[in-house]
Amino acid sequence: MFEKLKGELKLKWRQYLAASLASYGSLCTGMSMGWTSPVLPALRGPHSPLPQPPTSQQESWVGSLLVLGGLLGGY
């Protein structure tokens, strides 16, 4: 039984690799777009690396830079 399963897996490794690589782009995009959710509260917090908390206008710039960079960089 395990020999049959091992043989099927050996034949499908390229398909698994292609599916993983195709999903990788969506994963990276989702992580990039979701990055602002935990970062903006951290930038407002007491342990922020910034000298002063960002204004709401600066926060909206941070959130929109991914889209603007995509327009300029062919994302």
PDB file of N, CA and C in Angstrom:
ATOM      1  N   MET A   1       0.820  -1.195   0.000  1.00  0.00           N
ATOM      2  CA  MET A   1       0.000   0.000   0.000  1.00  0.00           C
ATOM      3  C   MET A   1       0.864   1.259   0.000  1.00  0.00           C
ATOM      4  N   PHE A   2       1.910   1.249   0.817  1.00  0.00           N
ATOM      5  CA  PHE A   2       2.772   2.429   0.882  1.00  0.00           C
ATOM      6  C   PHE A   2       3.580   2.601  -0.399  1.00  0.00           C
ATOM      7  N   GLU A   3       3.888   1.509  -1.057  1.00  0.00           N
ATOM      8  CA  GLU A   3       4.625   1.597  -2.317  1.00  0.00           C
ATOM      9  C   GLU A   3       3.790   2.308  -3.384  1.00  0.00           C
ATOM     10  N   LYS A   4       2.496   2.014  -3.412  1.00  0.00           N
ATOM     11  CA  LYS A   4       1.614   2.655  -4.375  1.00  0.00           C
ATOM     12  C   LYS A   4       1.516   4.155  -4.087  1.00  0.00           C
ATOM     13  N   LEU A   5       1.358   4.496  -2.821  1.00  0.00           N
ATOM     14  CA  LEU A   5       1.277   5.908  -2.417  1.00  0.00           C
ATOM     15  C   LEU A   5       2.584   6.635  -2.717  1.00  0.00           C
ATOM     16  N   LYS A   6       3.690   5.963  -2.459  1.00  0.00           N
ATOM     17  CA  LYS A   6       4.995   6.554  -2.726  1.00  0.00           C
ATOM     18  C   LYS A   6       5.179   6.786  -4.231  1.00  0.00           C
ATOM     19  N   GLY A   7       4.720   5.857  -5.042  1.00  0.00           N
ATOM     20  CA  GLY A   7       4.820   6.010  -6.490  1.00  0.00           C
ATOM     21  C   GLY A   7       3.959   7.149  -7.004  1.00  0.00           C
ATOM     22  N   GLU A   8       2.756   7.317  -6.468  1.00  0.00           N
ATOM     23  CA  GLU A   8       1.880   8.409  -6.887  1.00  0.00           C
ATOM     24  C   GLU A   8       2.466   9.767  -6.484  1.00  0.00           C
ATOM     25  N   LEU A   9       3.036   9.824  -5.292  1.00  0.00           N
ATOM     26  CA  LEU A   9       3.639  11.074  -4.833  1.00  0.00           C
ATOM     27  C   LEU A   9       4.844  11.438  -5.689  1.00  0.00           C
ATOM     28  N   LYS A  10       5.582  10.431  -6.098  1.00  0.00           N
ATOM     29  CA  LYS A  10       6.751  10.670  -6.930  1.00  0.00           C
ATOM     30  C   LYS A  10       6.347  11.251  -8.287  1.00  0.00           C
ATOM     31  N   LEU A  11       5.199  10.861  -8.787  1.00  0.00           N
ATOM     32  CA  LEU A  11       4.728  11.365 -10.065  1.00  0.00           C
ATOM     33  C   LEU A  11       4.116  12.763  -9.956  1.00  0.00           C
ATOM     34  N   LYS A  12       3.640  13.139  -8.795  1.00  0.00           N
ATOM     35  CA  LYS A  12       2.919  14.401  -8.634  1.00  0.00           C
ATOM     36  C   LYS A  12       3.759  15.527  -8.041  1.00  0.00           C
ATOM     37  N   TRP A  13       5.016  15.336  -7.792  1.00  0.00           N
ATOM     38  CA  TRP A  13       5.801  16.362  -7.120  1.00  0.00           C
ATOM     39  C   TRP A  13       5.877  17.647  -7.938  1.00  0.00           C
ATOM     40  N   ARG A  14       5.895  17.538  -9.264  1.00  0.00           N
ATOM     41  CA  ARG A  14       5.932  18.742 -10.090  1.00  0.00           C
ATOM     42  C   ARG A  14       4.629  19.535  -9.968  1.00  0.00           C
ATOM     43  N   GLN A  15       3.529  18.815  -9.881  1.00  0.00           N
ATOM     44  CA  GLN A  15       2.235  19.474  -9.726  1.00  0.00           C
ATOM     45  C   GLN A  15       2.167  20.193  -8.380  1.00  0.00           C
ATOM     46  N   TYR A  16       2.658  19.563  -7.327  1.00  0.00           N
ATOM     47  CA  TYR A  16       2.688  20.200  -6.006  1.00  0.00           C
ATOM     48  C   TYR A  16       3.599  21.421  -6.015  1.00  0.00           C
ATOM     49  N   LEU A  17       4.724  21.316  -6.689  1.00  0.00           N
ATOM     50  CA  LEU A  17       5.651  22.444  -6.776  1.00  0.00           C
ATOM     51  C   LEU A  17       5.015  23.610  -7.534  1.00  0.00           C
ATOM     52  N   ALA A  18       4.359  23.327  -8.652  1.00  0.00           N
ATOM     53  CA  ALA A  18       3.713  24.384  -9.433  1.00  0.00           C
ATOM     54  C   ALA A  18       2.590  25.049  -8.640  1.00  0.00           C
ATOM     55  N   ALA A  19       1.799  24.270  -7.934  1.00  0.00           N
ATOM     56  CA  ALA A  19       0.717  24.848  -7.128  1.00  0.00           C
ATOM     57  C   ALA A  19       1.273  25.701  -5.998  1.00  0.00           C
ATOM     58  N   SER A  20       2.352  25.257  -5.381  1.00  0.00           N
ATOM     59  CA  SER A  20       2.969  26.035  -4.301  1.00  0.00           C
ATOM     60  C   SER A  20       3.531  27.353  -4.817  1.00  0.00           C
ATOM     61  N   LEU A  21       4.190  27.305  -5.968  1.00  0.00           N
ATOM     62  CA  LEU A  21       4.756  28.535  -6.525  1.00  0.00           C
ATOM     63  C   LEU A  21       3.667  29.492  -6.989  1.00  0.00           C
ATOM     64  N   ALA A  22       2.572  28.969  -7.507  1.00  0.00           N
ATOM     65  CA  ALA A  22       1.467  29.839  -7.928  1.00  0.00           C
ATOM     66  C   ALA A  22       0.805  30.496  -6.723  1.00  0.00           C
ATOM     67  N   SER A  23       0.742  29.805  -5.616  1.00  0.00           N
ATOM     68  CA  SER A  23       0.125  30.359  -4.404  1.00  0.00           C
ATOM     69  C   SER A  23       1.041  31.339  -3.689  1.00  0.00           C
ATOM     70  N   TYR A  24       2.319  31.260  -3.951  1.00  0.00           N
ATOM     71  CA  TYR A  24       3.283  32.107  -3.265  1.00  0.00           C
ATOM     72  C   TYR A  24       3.045  33.586  -3.553  1.00  0.00           C
ATOM     73  N   GLY A  25       2.675  33.929  -4.776  1.00  0.00           N
ATOM     74  CA  GLY A  25       2.404  35.321  -5.117  1.00  0.00           C
ATOM     75  C   GLY A  25       1.239  35.885  -4.325  1.00  0.00           C
ATOM     76  N   SER A  26       0.182  35.092  -4.185  1.00  0.00           N
ATOM     77  CA  SER A  26      -0.972  35.541  -3.395  1.00  0.00           C
ATOM     78  C   SER A  26      -0.601  35.690  -1.926  1.00  0.00           C
ATOM     79  N   LEU A  27       0.205  34.785  -1.437  1.00  0.00           N
ATOM     80  CA  LEU A  27       0.652  34.868  -0.046  1.00  0.00           C
ATOM     81  C   LEU A  27       1.452  36.150   0.196  1.00  0.00           C
ATOM     82  N   CYS A  28       2.364  36.458  -0.694  1.00  0.00           N
ATOM     83  CA  CYS A  28       3.180  37.670  -0.539  1.00  0.00           C
ATOM     84  C   CYS A  28       2.332  38.934  -0.632  1.00  0.00           C
ATOM     85  N   THR A  29       1.379  38.943  -1.553  1.00  0.00           N
ATOM     86  CA  THR A  29       0.507  40.106  -1.698  1.00  0.00           C
ATOM     87  C   THR A  29      -0.335  40.306  -0.442  1.00  0.00           C
ATOM     88  N   GLY A  30      -0.898  39.227   0.062  1.00  0.00           N
ATOM     89  CA  GLY A  30      -1.708  39.326   1.274  1.00  0.00           C
ATOM     90  C   GLY A  30      -0.910  39.781   2.478  1.00  0.00           C
ATOM     91  N   MET A  31       0.320  39.286   2.588  1.00  0.00           N
ATOM     92  CA  MET A  31       1.155  39.710   3.710  1.00  0.00           C
ATOM     93  C   MET A  31       1.551  41.176   3.580  1.00  0.00           C
ATOM     94  N   SER A  32       1.805  41.619   2.367  1.00  0.00           N
ATOM     95  CA  SER A  32       2.160  43.026   2.161  1.00  0.00           C
ATOM     96  C   SER A  32       0.995  43.944   2.475  1.00  0.00           C
ATOM     97  N   MET A  33      -0.194  43.558   2.034  1.00  0.00           N
ATOM     98  CA  MET A  33      -1.366  44.405   2.281  1.00  0.00           C
ATOM     99  C   MET A  33      -1.788  44.369   3.747  1.00  0.00           C
ATOM    100  N   GLY A  34      -1.573  43.265   4.416  1.00  0.00           N
ATOM    101  CA  GLY A  34      -1.943  43.157   5.816  1.00  0.00           C
ATOM    102  C   GLY A  34      -0.883  43.670   6.776  1.00  0.00           C
ATOM    103  N   TRP A  35       0.263  44.085   6.250  1.00  0.00           N
ATOM    104  CA  TRP A  35       1.376  44.538   7.087  1.00  0.00           C
ATOM    105  C   TRP A  35       1.000  45.746   7.923  1.00  0.00           C
ATOM    106  N   THR A  36       0.180  46.644   7.396  1.00  0.00           N
ATOM    107  CA  THR A  36      -0.145  47.874   8.117  1.00  0.00           C
ATOM    108  C   THR A  36      -1.021  47.624   9.336  1.00  0.00           C
ATOM    109  N   SER A  37      -1.759  46.524   9.344  1.00  0.00           N
ATOM    110  CA  SER A  37      -2.659  46.261  10.467  1.00  0.00           C
ATOM    111  C   SER A  37      -1.916  46.154  11.805  1.00  0.00           C
ATOM    112  N   PRO A  38      -0.861  45.375  11.940  1.00  0.00           N
ATOM    113  CA  PRO A  38      -0.153  45.342  13.223  1.00  0.00           C
ATOM    114  C   PRO A  38       0.892  46.443  13.374  1.00  0.00           C
ATOM    115  N   VAL A  39       1.361  47.007  12.270  1.00  0.00           N
ATOM    116  CA  VAL A  39       2.452  47.975  12.358  1.00  0.00           C
ATOM    117  C   VAL A  39       1.982  49.352  12.810  1.00  0.00           C
ATOM    118  N   LEU A  40       0.849  49.803  12.319  1.00  0.00           N
ATOM    119  CA  LEU A  40       0.397  51.149  12.698  1.00  0.00           C
ATOM    120  C   LEU A  40       0.147  51.286  14.194  1.00  0.00           C
ATOM    121  N   PRO A  41      -0.501  50.331  14.867  1.00  0.00           N
ATOM    122  CA  PRO A  41      -0.608  50.465  16.328  1.00  0.00           C
ATOM    123  C   PRO A  41       0.750  50.416  17.030  1.00  0.00           C
ATOM    124  N   ALA A  42       1.690  49.644  16.476  1.00  0.00           N
ATOM    125  CA  ALA A  42       3.028  49.599  17.080  1.00  0.00           C
ATOM    126  C   ALA A  42       3.749  50.934  16.919  1.00  0.00           C
ATOM    127  N   LEU A  43       3.515  51.614  15.796  1.00  0.00           N
ATOM    128  CA  LEU A  43       4.147  52.919  15.595  1.00  0.00           C
ATOM    129  C   LEU A  43       3.544  53.988  16.496  1.00  0.00           C
ATOM    130  N   ARG A  44       2.310  53.775  16.927  1.00  0.00           N
ATOM    131  CA  ARG A  44       1.657  54.713  17.849  1.00  0.00           C
ATOM    132  C   ARG A  44       2.019  54.422  19.308  1.00  0.00           C
ATOM    133  N   GLY A  45       2.550  53.258  19.584  1.00  0.00           N
ATOM    134  CA  GLY A  45       2.801  52.813  20.956  1.00  0.00           C
ATOM    135  C   GLY A  45       4.019  53.458  21.605  1.00  0.00           C
ATOM    136  N   PRO A  46       4.248  53.123  22.867  1.00  0.00           N
ATOM    137  CA  PRO A  46       5.362  53.737  23.615  1.00  0.00           C
ATOM    138  C   PRO A  46       6.739  53.245  23.162  1.00  0.00           C
ATOM    139  N   HIS A  47       6.823  52.075  22.528  1.00  0.00           N
ATOM    140  CA  HIS A  47       8.118  51.531  22.095  1.00  0.00           C
ATOM    141  C   HIS A  47       8.346  51.744  20.608  1.00  0.00           C
ATOM    142  N   SER A  48       7.766  52.769  20.073  1.00  0.00           N
ATOM    143  CA  SER A  48       7.880  53.078  18.653  1.00  0.00           C
ATOM    144  C   SER A  48       9.295  53.556  18.322  1.00  0.00           C
ATOM    145  N   PRO A  49       9.811  53.180  17.153  1.00  0.00           N
ATOM    146  CA  PRO A  49      11.123  53.691  16.748  1.00  0.00           C
ATOM    147  C   PRO A  49      11.062  55.132  16.250  1.00  0.00           C
ATOM    148  N   LEU A  50       9.853  55.672  16.118  1.00  0.00           N
ATOM    149  CA  LEU A  50       9.692  57.040  15.630  1.00  0.00           C
ATOM    150  C   LEU A  50       9.793  58.038  16.790  1.00  0.00           C
ATOM    151  N   PRO A  51      10.290  59.249  16.530  1.00  0.00           N
ATOM    152  CA  PRO A  51      10.385  60.235  17.604  1.00  0.00           C
ATOM    153  C   PRO A  51       9.015  60.739  18.076  1.00  0.00           C
ATOM    154  N   GLN A  52       8.024  60.715  17.200  1.00  0.00           N
ATOM    155  CA  GLN A  52       6.664  61.127  17.577  1.00  0.00           C
ATOM    156  C   GLN A  52       5.673  60.231  16.838  1.00  0.00           C
ATOM    157  N   PRO A  53       4.486  60.043  17.382  1.00  0.00           N
ATOM    158  CA  PRO A  53       3.500  59.188  16.707  1.00  0.00           C
ATOM    159  C   PRO A  53       3.088  59.768  15.354  1.00  0.00           C
ATOM    160  N   PRO A  54       2.821  58.917  14.373  1.00  0.00           N
ATOM    161  CA  PRO A  54       2.408  59.426  13.071  1.00  0.00           C
ATOM    162  C   PRO A  54       0.996  60.007  13.114  1.00  0.00           C
ATOM    163  N   THR A  55       0.758  61.001  12.289  1.00  0.00           N
ATOM    164  CA  THR A  55      -0.579  61.577  12.173  1.00  0.00           C
ATOM    165  C   THR A  55      -1.440  60.639  11.324  1.00  0.00           C
ATOM    166  N   SER A  56      -2.730  60.883  11.292  1.00  0.00           N
ATOM    167  CA  SER A  56      -3.607  60.017  10.498  1.00  0.00           C
ATOM    168  C   SER A  56      -3.305  60.158   9.004  1.00  0.00           C
ATOM    169  N   GLN A  57      -2.867  61.327   8.579  1.00  0.00           N
ATOM    170  CA  GLN A  57      -2.500  61.503   7.175  1.00  0.00           C
ATOM    171  C   GLN A  57      -1.247  60.698   6.848  1.00  0.00           C
ATOM    172  N   GLN A  58      -0.274  60.678   7.742  1.00  0.00           N
ATOM    173  CA  GLN A  58       0.927  59.880   7.521  1.00  0.00           C
ATOM    174  C   GLN A  58       0.598  58.389   7.523  1.00  0.00           C
ATOM    175  N   GLU A  59      -0.330  57.978   8.380  1.00  0.00           N
ATOM    176  CA  GLU A  59      -0.735  56.576   8.404  1.00  0.00           C
ATOM    177  C   GLU A  59      -1.407  56.173   7.100  1.00  0.00           C
ATOM    178  N   SER A  60      -2.216  57.049   6.542  1.00  0.00           N
ATOM    179  CA  SER A  60      -2.859  56.710   5.276  1.00  0.00           C
ATOM    180  C   SER A  60      -1.837  56.648   4.144  1.00  0.00           C
ATOM    181  N   TRP A  61      -0.775  57.437   4.210  1.00  0.00           N
ATOM    182  CA  TRP A  61       0.294  57.336   3.223  1.00  0.00           C
ATOM    183  C   TRP A  61       1.001  55.986   3.336  1.00  0.00           C
ATOM    184  N   VAL A  62       1.253  55.550   4.545  1.00  0.00           N
ATOM    185  CA  VAL A  62       1.892  54.252   4.739  1.00  0.00           C
ATOM    186  C   VAL A  62       1.024  53.139   4.145  1.00  0.00           C
ATOM    187  N   GLY A  63      -0.270  53.224   4.355  1.00  0.00           N
ATOM    188  CA  GLY A  63      -1.171  52.215   3.829  1.00  0.00           C
ATOM    189  C   GLY A  63      -1.300  52.236   2.320  1.00  0.00           C
ATOM    190  N   SER A  64      -1.118  53.383   1.705  1.00  0.00           N
ATOM    191  CA  SER A  64      -1.298  53.487   0.256  1.00  0.00           C
ATOM    192  C   SER A  64       0.000  53.340  -0.527  1.00  0.00           C
ATOM    193  N   LEU A  65       1.124  53.296   0.136  1.00  0.00           N
ATOM    194  CA  LEU A  65       2.394  53.202  -0.585  1.00  0.00           C
ATOM    195  C   LEU A  65       2.535  51.894  -1.361  1.00  0.00           C
ATOM    196  N   LEU A  66       1.932  50.815  -0.886  1.00  0.00           N
ATOM    197  CA  LEU A  66       1.993  49.551  -1.619  1.00  0.00           C
ATOM    198  C   LEU A  66       1.336  49.697  -2.981  1.00  0.00           C
ATOM    199  N   VAL A  67       0.183  50.334  -3.020  1.00  0.00           N
ATOM    200  CA  VAL A  67      -0.528  50.518  -4.287  1.00  0.00           C
ATOM    201  C   VAL A  67       0.239  51.470  -5.198  1.00  0.00           C
ATOM    202  N   LEU A  68       0.751  52.553  -4.651  1.00  0.00           N
ATOM    203  CA  LEU A  68       1.520  53.504  -5.460  1.00  0.00           C
ATOM    204  C   LEU A  68       2.794  52.863  -5.981  1.00  0.00           C
ATOM    205  N   GLY A  69       3.442  52.081  -5.171  1.00  0.00           N
ATOM    206  CA  GLY A  69       4.645  51.375  -5.633  1.00  0.00           C
ATOM    207  C   GLY A  69       4.331  50.371  -6.716  1.00  0.00           C
ATOM    208  N   GLY A  70       3.151  49.742  -6.628  1.00  0.00           N
ATOM    209  CA  GLY A  70       2.748  48.806  -7.670  1.00  0.00           C
ATOM    210  C   GLY A  70       2.516  49.494  -9.006  1.00  0.00           C
ATOM    211  N   LEU A  71       1.996  50.712  -8.968  1.00  0.00           N
ATOM    212  CA  LEU A  71       1.789  51.456 -10.212  1.00  0.00           C
ATOM    213  C   LEU A  71       3.125  51.807 -10.874  1.00  0.00           C
ATOM    214  N   LEU A  72       4.082  52.191 -10.064  1.00  0.00           N
ATOM    215  CA  LEU A  72       5.369  52.607 -10.606  1.00  0.00           C
ATOM    216  C   LEU A  72       6.285  51.427 -10.926  1.00  0.00           C
ATOM    217  N   GLY A  73       6.152  50.344 -10.166  1.00  0.00           N
ATOM    218  CA  GLY A  73       7.080  49.238 -10.326  1.00  0.00           C
ATOM    219  C   GLY A  73       6.566  48.065 -11.137  1.00  0.00           C
ATOM    220  N   GLY A  74       5.394  48.172 -11.700  1.00  0.00           N
ATOM    221  CA  GLY A  74       4.885  47.063 -12.481  1.00  0.00           C
ATOM    222  C   GLY A  74       4.431  45.892 -11.638  1.00  0.00           C
ATOM    223  N   TYR A  75       3.971  46.154 -10.455  1.00  0.00           N
ATOM    224  CA  TYR A  75       3.540  45.110  -9.530  1.00  0.00           C
ATOM    225  C   TYR A  75       2.301  44.514 -10.056  1.00  0.00           C
TER     226      TYR A  75
END
